[in-house]
Structures are given as structure tokens and as C-alpha cells.
Amino acid sequence: AAIEAGATYIDCCLKGFGAGAGNCPLEILAAICERIGV
């Protein structure tokens, strides 16, 4: 949603490995971006 709104910097972690419940998984976002042409 942030990308679609115009954000150009996104934080991710491999396997979502971050504090608490984790972060946006890098591999998943990379796959999503390929799907939506980003």
C-alpha cells in the first residue's frame, strides 16, 4: 500500500526476521513487486 501511495523506500528483513512479530519479509515483498510491475 505504501508503494502504491508513492513511497520509494521500504524496509524489509529476510524471513521477516525482526523485533516482536517481525518485519516485512524481503523475499515476499520482492515477489509481490515483480507481480505488480515494481
Full PDB file with SEQRES, HELIX, SHEET, SSBOND, CRYST1, ORIGX, SCALE, CONECT and MASTER records, all heavy atoms in Angstrom:
SEQRES   1 A   38  ALA ALA ILE GLU ALA GLY ALA THR TYR ILE ASP CYS CYS          
SEQRES   2 A   38  LEU LYS GLY PHE GLY ALA GLY ALA GLY ASN CYS PRO LEU          
SEQRES   3 A   38  GLU ILE LEU ALA ALA ILE CYS GLU ARG ILE GLY VAL              
HELIX    1 AA1 ALA A    2  ALA A    5  1                                   4    
HELIX    2 AA2 LEU A   14  GLY A   16  5                                   3    
HELIX    3 AA3 LEU A   26  ILE A   36  1                                  11    
CRYST1    1.000    1.000    1.000  90.00  90.00  90.00 P 1           1          
ORIGX1      1.000000  0.000000  0.000000        0.00000                         
ORIGX2      0.000000  1.000000  0.000000        0.00000                         
ORIGX3      0.000000  0.000000  1.000000        0.00000                         
SCALE1      1.000000  0.000000  0.000000        0.00000                         
SCALE2      0.000000  1.000000  0.000000        0.00000                         
SCALE3      0.000000  0.000000  1.000000        0.00000                         
ATOM      1  N   ALA A   1       0.829  -1.207   0.000  1.00  0.00           N  
ATOM      2  CA  ALA A   1       0.000   0.000   0.000  1.00  0.00           C  
ATOM      3  C   ALA A   1       0.858   1.250   0.000  1.00  0.00           C  
ATOM      4  O   ALA A   1       0.542   2.246  -0.674  1.00  0.00           O  
ATOM      5  CB  ALA A   1      -0.932  -0.014   1.213  1.00  0.00           C  
ATOM      6  N   ALA A   2       1.957   1.218   0.767  1.00  0.00           N  
ATOM      7  CA  ALA A   2       2.861   2.366   0.803  1.00  0.00           C  
ATOM      8  C   ALA A   2       3.465   2.622  -0.575  1.00  0.00           C  
ATOM      9  O   ALA A   2       3.562   3.773  -1.024  1.00  0.00           O  
ATOM     10  CB  ALA A   2       3.960   2.126   1.835  1.00  0.00           C  
ATOM     11  N   ILE A   3       3.868   1.565  -1.260  1.00  0.00           N  
ATOM     12  CA  ILE A   3       4.435   1.695  -2.601  1.00  0.00           C  
ATOM     13  C   ILE A   3       3.408   2.278  -3.552  1.00  0.00           C  
ATOM     14  O   ILE A   3       3.697   3.193  -4.336  1.00  0.00           O  
ATOM     15  CB  ILE A   3       4.938   0.330  -3.105  1.00  0.00           C  
ATOM     16  CG1 ILE A   3       6.130  -0.139  -2.267  1.00  0.00           C  
ATOM     17  CG2 ILE A   3       5.311   0.398  -4.579  1.00  0.00           C  
ATOM     18  CD1 ILE A   3       6.489  -1.593  -2.468  1.00  0.00           C  
ATOM     19  N   GLU A   4       2.194   1.781  -3.481  1.00  0.00           N  
ATOM     20  CA  GLU A   4       1.137   2.263  -4.371  1.00  0.00           C  
ATOM     21  C   GLU A   4       0.803   3.733  -4.096  1.00  0.00           C  
ATOM     22  O   GLU A   4       0.346   4.451  -4.994  1.00  0.00           O  
ATOM     23  CB  GLU A   4      -0.105   1.387  -4.218  1.00  0.00           C  
ATOM     24  CG  GLU A   4       0.118  -0.012  -4.767  1.00  0.00           C  
ATOM     25  CD  GLU A   4      -1.021  -0.972  -4.480  1.00  0.00           C  
ATOM     26  OE1 GLU A   4      -1.800  -0.719  -3.528  1.00  0.00           O  
ATOM     27  OE2 GLU A   4      -1.135  -1.983  -5.203  1.00  0.00           O  
ATOM     28  N   ALA A   5       1.048   4.179  -2.850  1.00  0.00           N  
ATOM     29  CA  ALA A   5       0.802   5.582  -2.498  1.00  0.00           C  
ATOM     30  C   ALA A   5       1.974   6.482  -2.862  1.00  0.00           C  
ATOM     31  O   ALA A   5       1.862   7.702  -2.739  1.00  0.00           O  
ATOM     32  CB  ALA A   5       0.497   5.688  -1.014  1.00  0.00           C  
ATOM     33  N   GLY A   6       3.090   5.887  -3.267  1.00  0.00           N  
ATOM     34  CA  GLY A   6       4.217   6.689  -3.713  1.00  0.00           C  
ATOM     35  C   GLY A   6       5.477   6.575  -2.904  1.00  0.00           C  
ATOM     36  O   GLY A   6       6.478   7.253  -3.200  1.00  0.00           O  
ATOM     37  N   ALA A   7       5.498   5.739  -1.854  1.00  0.00           N  
ATOM     38  CA  ALA A   7       6.735   5.536  -1.098  1.00  0.00           C  
ATOM     39  C   ALA A   7       7.781   4.901  -2.002  1.00  0.00           C  
ATOM     40  O   ALA A   7       7.483   3.996  -2.783  1.00  0.00           O  
ATOM     41  CB  ALA A   7       6.479   4.654   0.117  1.00  0.00           C  
ATOM     42  N   THR A   8       9.019   5.360  -1.864  1.00  0.00           N  
ATOM     43  CA  THR A   8      10.092   4.829  -2.702  1.00  0.00           C  
ATOM     44  C   THR A   8      11.175   4.116  -1.893  1.00  0.00           C  
ATOM     45  O   THR A   8      12.117   3.580  -2.475  1.00  0.00           O  
ATOM     46  CB  THR A   8      10.733   5.964  -3.525  1.00  0.00           C  
ATOM     47  OG1 THR A   8      11.019   7.072  -2.657  1.00  0.00           O  
ATOM     48  CG2 THR A   8       9.794   6.422  -4.628  1.00  0.00           C  
ATOM     49  N   TYR A   9      11.055   4.128  -0.568  1.00  0.00           N  
ATOM     50  CA  TYR A   9      11.970   3.405   0.311  1.00  0.00           C  
ATOM     51  C   TYR A   9      11.142   2.487   1.205  1.00  0.00           C  
ATOM     52  O   TYR A   9      10.206   2.946   1.873  1.00  0.00           O  
ATOM     53  CB  TYR A   9      12.765   4.371   1.197  1.00  0.00           C  
ATOM     54  CG  TYR A   9      13.840   5.146   0.484  1.00  0.00           C  
ATOM     55  CD1 TYR A   9      13.510   6.204  -0.356  1.00  0.00           C  
ATOM     56  CD2 TYR A   9      15.185   4.832   0.661  1.00  0.00           C  
ATOM     57  CE1 TYR A   9      14.493   6.930  -1.014  1.00  0.00           C  
ATOM     58  CE2 TYR A   9      16.173   5.552   0.010  1.00  0.00           C  
ATOM     59  CZ  TYR A   9      15.827   6.592  -0.828  1.00  0.00           C  
ATOM     60  OH  TYR A   9      16.812   7.304  -1.480  1.00  0.00           O  
ATOM     61  N   ILE A  10      11.494   1.200   1.234  1.00  0.00           N  
ATOM     62  CA  ILE A  10      10.768   0.233   2.046  1.00  0.00           C  
ATOM     63  C   ILE A  10      11.778  -0.606   2.822  1.00  0.00           C  
ATOM     64  O   ILE A  10      12.735  -1.139   2.253  1.00  0.00           O  
ATOM     65  CB  ILE A  10       9.888  -0.711   1.188  1.00  0.00           C  
ATOM     66  CG1 ILE A  10       8.897   0.089   0.338  1.00  0.00           C  
ATOM     67  CG2 ILE A  10       9.161  -1.707   2.082  1.00  0.00           C  
ATOM     68  CD1 ILE A  10       7.799   0.793   1.123  1.00  0.00           C  
ATOM     69  N   ASP A  11      11.547  -0.742   4.132  1.00  0.00           N  
ATOM     70  CA  ASP A  11      12.393  -1.593   4.976  1.00  0.00           C  
ATOM     71  C   ASP A  11      11.861  -3.016   4.965  1.00  0.00           C  
ATOM     72  O   ASP A  11      10.644  -3.241   5.077  1.00  0.00           O  
ATOM     73  CB  ASP A  11      12.382  -1.100   6.424  1.00  0.00           C  
ATOM     74  CG  ASP A  11      13.191   0.165   6.627  1.00  0.00           C  
ATOM     75  OD1 ASP A  11      13.695   0.719   5.630  1.00  0.00           O  
ATOM     76  OD2 ASP A  11      13.300   0.615   7.785  1.00  0.00           O  
ATOM     77  N   CYS A  12      12.777  -3.974   4.875  1.00  0.00           N  
ATOM     78  CA  CYS A  12      12.426  -5.386   4.904  1.00  0.00           C  
ATOM     79  C   CYS A  12      13.495  -6.157   5.672  1.00  0.00           C  
ATOM     80  O   CYS A  12      14.610  -5.669   5.855  1.00  0.00           O  
ATOM     81  CB  CYS A  12      12.341  -5.973   3.498  1.00  0.00           C  
ATOM     82  SG  CYS A  12      11.062  -5.279   2.439  1.00  0.00           S  
ATOM     83  N   CYS A  13      13.145  -7.368   6.086  1.00  0.00           N  
ATOM     84  CA  CYS A  13      14.114  -8.291   6.667  1.00  0.00           C  
ATOM     85  C   CYS A  13      13.960  -9.647   5.992  1.00  0.00           C  
ATOM     86  O   CYS A  13      12.835 -10.079   5.704  1.00  0.00           O  
ATOM     87  CB  CYS A  13      13.872  -8.468   8.174  1.00  0.00           C  
ATOM     88  SG  CYS A  13      14.171  -7.009   9.171  1.00  0.00           S  
ATOM     89  N   LEU A  14      15.056 -10.318   5.747  1.00  0.00           N  
ATOM     90  CA  LEU A  14      14.978 -11.687   5.244  1.00  0.00           C  
ATOM     91  C   LEU A  14      14.182 -12.543   6.232  1.00  0.00           C  
ATOM     92  O   LEU A  14      14.386 -12.456   7.443  1.00  0.00           O  
ATOM     93  CB  LEU A  14      16.375 -12.271   5.068  1.00  0.00           C  
ATOM     94  CG  LEU A  14      17.192 -11.676   3.912  1.00  0.00           C  
ATOM     95  CD1 LEU A  14      18.656 -12.101   4.044  1.00  0.00           C  
ATOM     96  CD2 LEU A  14      16.632 -12.101   2.562  1.00  0.00           C  
ATOM     97  N   LYS A  15      13.269 -13.324   5.712  1.00  0.00           N  
ATOM     98  CA  LYS A  15      12.392 -14.179   6.512  1.00  0.00           C  
ATOM     99  C   LYS A  15      11.582 -13.369   7.534  1.00  0.00           C  
ATOM    100  O   LYS A  15      11.064 -13.911   8.504  1.00  0.00           O  
ATOM    101  CB  LYS A  15      13.173 -15.289   7.224  1.00  0.00           C  
ATOM    102  CG  LYS A  15      13.879 -16.245   6.264  1.00  0.00           C  
ATOM    103  CD  LYS A  15      14.495 -17.426   6.975  1.00  0.00           C  
ATOM    104  CE  LYS A  15      13.458 -18.471   7.332  1.00  0.00           C  
ATOM    105  NZ  LYS A  15      12.864 -19.102   6.133  1.00  0.00           N  
ATOM    106  N   GLY A  16      11.473 -12.047   7.324  1.00  0.00           N  
ATOM    107  CA  GLY A  16      10.755 -11.204   8.268  1.00  0.00           C  
ATOM    108  C   GLY A  16      11.416 -11.121   9.625  1.00  0.00           C  
ATOM    109  O   GLY A  16      10.785 -10.745  10.614  1.00  0.00           O  
ATOM    110  N   PHE A  17      12.723 -11.434   9.700  1.00  0.00           N  
ATOM    111  CA  PHE A  17      13.404 -11.611  10.974  1.00  0.00           C  
ATOM    112  C   PHE A  17      13.703 -10.271  11.623  1.00  0.00           C  
ATOM    113  O   PHE A  17      14.705  -9.619  11.328  1.00  0.00           O  
ATOM    114  CB  PHE A  17      14.694 -12.404  10.752  1.00  0.00           C  
ATOM    115  CG  PHE A  17      15.350 -12.869  12.030  1.00  0.00           C  
ATOM    116  CD1 PHE A  17      14.713 -13.752  12.870  1.00  0.00           C  
ATOM    117  CD2 PHE A  17      16.605 -12.410  12.373  1.00  0.00           C  
ATOM    118  CE1 PHE A  17      15.319 -14.184  14.046  1.00  0.00           C  
ATOM    119  CE2 PHE A  17      17.222 -12.828  13.546  1.00  0.00           C  
ATOM    120  CZ  PHE A  17      16.572 -13.717  14.377  1.00  0.00           C  
ATOM    121  N   GLY A  18      12.797  -9.844  12.510  1.00  0.00           N  
ATOM    122  CA  GLY A  18      12.958  -8.575  13.187  1.00  0.00           C  
ATOM    123  C   GLY A  18      12.302  -8.608  14.551  1.00  0.00           C  
ATOM    124  O   GLY A  18      11.859  -9.657  15.027  1.00  0.00           O  
ATOM    125  N   ALA A  19      12.223  -7.453  15.182  1.00  0.00           N  
ATOM    126  CA  ALA A  19      11.700  -7.361  16.546  1.00  0.00           C  
ATOM    127  C   ALA A  19      10.227  -7.755  16.616  1.00  0.00           C  
ATOM    128  O   ALA A  19       9.477  -7.600  15.653  1.00  0.00           O  
ATOM    129  CB  ALA A  19      11.866  -5.931  17.062  1.00  0.00           C  
ATOM    130  N   GLY A  20       9.831  -8.247  17.795  1.00  0.00           N  
ATOM    131  CA  GLY A  20       8.428  -8.575  18.029  1.00  0.00           C  
ATOM    132  C   GLY A  20       7.928  -9.639  17.081  1.00  0.00           C  
ATOM    133  O   GLY A  20       8.479 -10.744  16.991  1.00  0.00           O  
ATOM    134  N   ALA A  21       6.873  -9.302  16.338  1.00  0.00           N  
ATOM    135  CA  ALA A  21       6.302 -10.242  15.376  1.00  0.00           C  
ATOM    136  C   ALA A  21       7.015 -10.214  14.040  1.00  0.00           C  
ATOM    137  O   ALA A  21       6.595 -10.851  13.081  1.00  0.00           O  
ATOM    138  CB  ALA A  21       4.819  -9.937  15.172  1.00  0.00           C  
ATOM    139  N   GLY A  22       8.115  -9.472  13.978  1.00  0.00           N  
ATOM    140  CA  GLY A  22       8.896  -9.445  12.746  1.00  0.00           C  
ATOM    141  C   GLY A  22       8.487  -8.315  11.817  1.00  0.00           C  
ATOM    142  O   GLY A  22       7.549  -7.566  12.075  1.00  0.00           O  
ATOM    143  N   ASN A  23       9.233  -8.228  10.727  1.00  0.00           N  
ATOM    144  CA  ASN A  23       9.074  -7.148   9.745  1.00  0.00           C  
ATOM    145  C   ASN A  23       8.515  -7.690   8.443  1.00  0.00           C  
ATOM    146  O   ASN A  23       8.241  -8.881   8.310  1.00  0.00           O  
ATOM    147  CB  ASN A  23      10.428  -6.492   9.483  1.00  0.00           C  
ATOM    148  CG  ASN A  23      11.018  -5.842  10.704  1.00  0.00           C  
ATOM    149  OD1 ASN A  23      11.142  -6.470  11.750  1.00  0.00           O  
ATOM    150  ND2 ASN A  23      11.404  -4.589  10.584  1.00  0.00           N  
ATOM    151  N   CYS A  24       8.416  -6.810   7.476  1.00  0.00           N  
ATOM    152  CA  CYS A  24       8.013  -7.241   6.141  1.00  0.00           C  
ATOM    153  C   CYS A  24       9.091  -8.165   5.581  1.00  0.00           C  
ATOM    154  O   CYS A  24      10.259  -7.773   5.486  1.00  0.00           O  
ATOM    155  CB  CYS A  24       7.854  -6.024   5.236  1.00  0.00           C  
ATOM    156  SG  CYS A  24       7.397  -6.453   3.540  1.00  0.00           S  
ATOM    157  N   PRO A  25       8.727  -9.399   5.198  1.00  0.00           N  
ATOM    158  CA  PRO A  25       9.725 -10.322   4.649  1.00  0.00           C  
ATOM    159  C   PRO A  25      10.224  -9.849   3.285  1.00  0.00           C  
ATOM    160  O   PRO A  25       9.433  -9.598   2.380  1.00  0.00           O  
ATOM    161  CB  PRO A  25       8.962 -11.648   4.532  1.00  0.00           C  
ATOM    162  CG  PRO A  25       7.788 -11.508   5.454  1.00  0.00           C  
ATOM    163  CD  PRO A  25       7.424 -10.052   5.398  1.00  0.00           C  
ATOM    164  N   LEU A  26      11.526  -9.734   3.154  1.00  0.00           N  
ATOM    165  CA  LEU A  26      12.112  -9.213   1.928  1.00  0.00           C  
ATOM    166  C   LEU A  26      11.740 -10.063   0.718  1.00  0.00           C  
ATOM    167  O   LEU A  26      11.365  -9.538  -0.337  1.00  0.00           O  
ATOM    168  CB  LEU A  26      13.637  -9.154   2.084  1.00  0.00           C  
ATOM    169  CG  LEU A  26      14.431  -8.396   1.017  1.00  0.00           C  
ATOM    170  CD1 LEU A  26      15.743  -7.911   1.610  1.00  0.00           C  
ATOM    171  CD2 LEU A  26      14.716  -9.240  -0.215  1.00  0.00           C  
ATOM    172  N   GLU A  27      11.842 -11.381   0.870  1.00  0.00           N  
ATOM    173  CA  GLU A  27      11.561 -12.259  -0.270  1.00  0.00           C  
ATOM    174  C   GLU A  27      10.122 -12.112  -0.743  1.00  0.00           C  
ATOM    175  O   GLU A  27       9.837 -12.150  -1.944  1.00  0.00           O  
ATOM    176  CB  GLU A  27      11.796 -13.739   0.084  1.00  0.00           C  
ATOM    177  CG  GLU A  27      13.006 -14.046   0.928  1.00  0.00           C  
ATOM    178  CD  GLU A  27      12.685 -13.984   2.411  1.00  0.00           C  
ATOM    179  OE1 GLU A  27      12.592 -12.863   2.947  1.00  0.00           O  
ATOM    180  OE2 GLU A  27      12.518 -15.045   3.025  1.00  0.00           O  
ATOM    181  N   ILE A  28       9.207 -11.959   0.217  1.00  0.00           N  
ATOM    182  CA  ILE A  28       7.793 -11.836  -0.139  1.00  0.00           C  
ATOM    183  C   ILE A  28       7.538 -10.512  -0.845  1.00  0.00           C  
ATOM    184  O   ILE A  28       6.846 -10.460  -1.871  1.00  0.00           O  
ATOM    185  CB  ILE A  28       6.904 -11.991   1.111  1.00  0.00           C  
ATOM    186  CG1 ILE A  28       6.962 -13.443   1.593  1.00  0.00           C  
ATOM    187  CG2 ILE A  28       5.470 -11.560   0.827  1.00  0.00           C  
ATOM    188  CD1 ILE A  28       6.185 -13.702   2.864  1.00  0.00           C  
ATOM    189  N   LEU A  29       8.104  -9.418  -0.319  1.00  0.00           N  
ATOM    190  CA  LEU A  29       7.869  -8.133  -0.978  1.00  0.00           C  
ATOM    191  C   LEU A  29       8.496  -8.112  -2.366  1.00  0.00           C  
ATOM    192  O   LEU A  29       7.909  -7.559  -3.311  1.00  0.00           O  
ATOM    193  CB  LEU A  29       8.418  -6.985  -0.141  1.00  0.00           C  
ATOM    194  CG  LEU A  29       8.030  -5.612  -0.710  1.00  0.00           C  
ATOM    195  CD1 LEU A  29       6.537  -5.369  -0.551  1.00  0.00           C  
ATOM    196  CD2 LEU A  29       8.818  -4.493  -0.068  1.00  0.00           C  
ATOM    197  N   ALA A  30       9.681  -8.718  -2.518  1.00  0.00           N  
ATOM    198  CA  ALA A  30      10.300  -8.771  -3.841  1.00  0.00           C  
ATOM    199  C   ALA A  30       9.408  -9.514  -4.834  1.00  0.00           C  
ATOM    200  O   ALA A  30       9.256  -9.091  -5.987  1.00  0.00           O  
ATOM    201  CB  ALA A  30      11.664  -9.448  -3.752  1.00  0.00           C  
ATOM    202  N   ALA A  31       8.798 -10.597  -4.382  1.00  0.00           N  
ATOM    203  CA  ALA A  31       7.891 -11.353  -5.257  1.00  0.00           C  
ATOM    204  C   ALA A  31       6.640 -10.539  -5.590  1.00  0.00           C  
ATOM    205  O   ALA A  31       6.182 -10.521  -6.741  1.00  0.00           O  
ATOM    206  CB  ALA A  31       7.500 -12.667  -4.575  1.00  0.00           C  
ATOM    207  N   ILE A  32       6.084  -9.860  -4.586  1.00  0.00           N  
ATOM    208  CA  ILE A  32       4.903  -9.024  -4.816  1.00  0.00           C  
ATOM    209  C   ILE A  32       5.225  -7.932  -5.832  1.00  0.00           C  
ATOM    210  O   ILE A  32       4.440  -7.670  -6.756  1.00  0.00           O  
ATOM    211  CB  ILE A  32       4.414  -8.407  -3.493  1.00  0.00           C  
ATOM    212  CG1 ILE A  32       3.792  -9.484  -2.599  1.00  0.00           C  
ATOM    213  CG2 ILE A  32       3.409  -7.280  -3.745  1.00  0.00           C  
ATOM    214  CD1 ILE A  32       3.476  -9.008  -1.191  1.00  0.00           C  
ATOM    215  N   CYS A  33       6.376  -7.299  -5.660  1.00  0.00           N  
ATOM    216  CA  CYS A  33       6.737  -6.216  -6.564  1.00  0.00           C  
ATOM    217  C   CYS A  33       6.908  -6.707  -7.997  1.00  0.00           C  
ATOM    218  O   CYS A  33       6.521  -6.002  -8.955  1.00  0.00           O  
ATOM    219  CB  CYS A  33       8.003  -5.522  -6.069  1.00  0.00           C  
ATOM    220  SG  CYS A  33       7.724  -4.464  -4.628  1.00  0.00           S  
ATOM    221  N   GLU A  34       7.472  -7.884  -8.162  1.00  0.00           N  
ATOM    222  CA  GLU A  34       7.560  -8.436  -9.519  1.00  0.00           C  
ATOM    223  C   GLU A  34       6.178  -8.639 -10.108  1.00  0.00           C  
ATOM    224  O   GLU A  34       5.944  -8.389 -11.296  1.00  0.00           O  
ATOM    225  CB  GLU A  34       8.342  -9.756  -9.499  1.00  0.00           C  
ATOM    226  CG  GLU A  34       9.837  -9.571  -9.343  1.00  0.00           C  
ATOM    227  CD  GLU A  34      10.631 -10.797  -9.780  1.00  0.00           C  
ATOM    228  OE1 GLU A  34      10.057 -11.652 -10.505  1.00  0.00           O  
ATOM    229  OE2 GLU A  34      11.806 -10.901  -9.397  1.00  0.00           O  
ATOM    230  N   ARG A  35       5.235  -9.092  -9.286  1.00  0.00           N  
ATOM    231  CA  ARG A  35       3.866  -9.337  -9.746  1.00  0.00           C  
ATOM    232  C   ARG A  35       3.169  -8.049 -10.175  1.00  0.00           C  
ATOM    233  O   ARG A  35       2.369  -8.055 -11.116  1.00  0.00           O  
ATOM    234  CB  ARG A  35       3.050 -10.011  -8.637  1.00  0.00           C  
ATOM    235  CG  ARG A  35       3.448 -11.452  -8.320  1.00  0.00           C  
ATOM    236  CD  ARG A  35       2.823 -12.432  -9.314  1.00  0.00           C  
ATOM    237  NE  ARG A  35       1.381 -12.278  -9.401  1.00  0.00           N  
ATOM    238  CZ  ARG A  35       0.496 -12.839  -8.550  1.00  0.00           C  
ATOM    239  NH1 ARG A  35       0.926 -13.579  -7.541  1.00  0.00           N  
ATOM    240  NH2 ARG A  35      -0.801 -12.659  -8.724  1.00  0.00           N  
ATOM    241  N   ILE A  36       3.453  -6.927  -9.481  1.00  0.00           N  
ATOM    242  CA  ILE A  36       2.727  -5.687  -9.768  1.00  0.00           C  
ATOM    243  C   ILE A  36       3.536  -4.718 -10.621  1.00  0.00           C  
ATOM    244  O   ILE A  36       3.120  -3.589 -10.854  1.00  0.00           O  
ATOM    245  CB  ILE A  36       2.267  -4.996  -8.469  1.00  0.00           C  
ATOM    246  CG1 ILE A  36       3.451  -4.540  -7.613  1.00  0.00           C  
ATOM    247  CG2 ILE A  36       1.340  -5.908  -7.675  1.00  0.00           C  
ATOM    248  CD1 ILE A  36       3.057  -3.735  -6.377  1.00  0.00           C  
ATOM    249  N   GLY A  37       4.684  -5.176 -11.109  1.00  0.00           N  
ATOM    250  CA  GLY A  37       5.452  -4.364 -12.032  1.00  0.00           C  
ATOM    251  C   GLY A  37       6.252  -3.251 -11.398  1.00  0.00           C  
ATOM    252  O   GLY A  37       6.439  -2.185 -11.996  1.00  0.00           O  
ATOM    253  N   VAL A  38       6.752  -3.479 -10.184  1.00  0.00           N  
ATOM    254  CA  VAL A  38       7.586  -2.501  -9.494  1.00  0.00           C  
ATOM    255  C   VAL A  38       9.008  -3.051  -9.424  1.00  0.00           C  
ATOM    256  O   VAL A  38       9.214  -4.173  -8.956  1.00  0.00           O  
ATOM    257  CB  VAL A  38       7.050  -2.194  -8.082  1.00  0.00           C  
ATOM    258  CG1 VAL A  38       8.030  -1.332  -7.300  1.00  0.00           C  
ATOM    259  CG2 VAL A  38       5.696  -1.508  -8.169  1.00  0.00           C  
TER     260      VAL A  38                                                      
MASTER        0    0    0    3    0    0    0    6  259    1    0    3          
END                                                                             
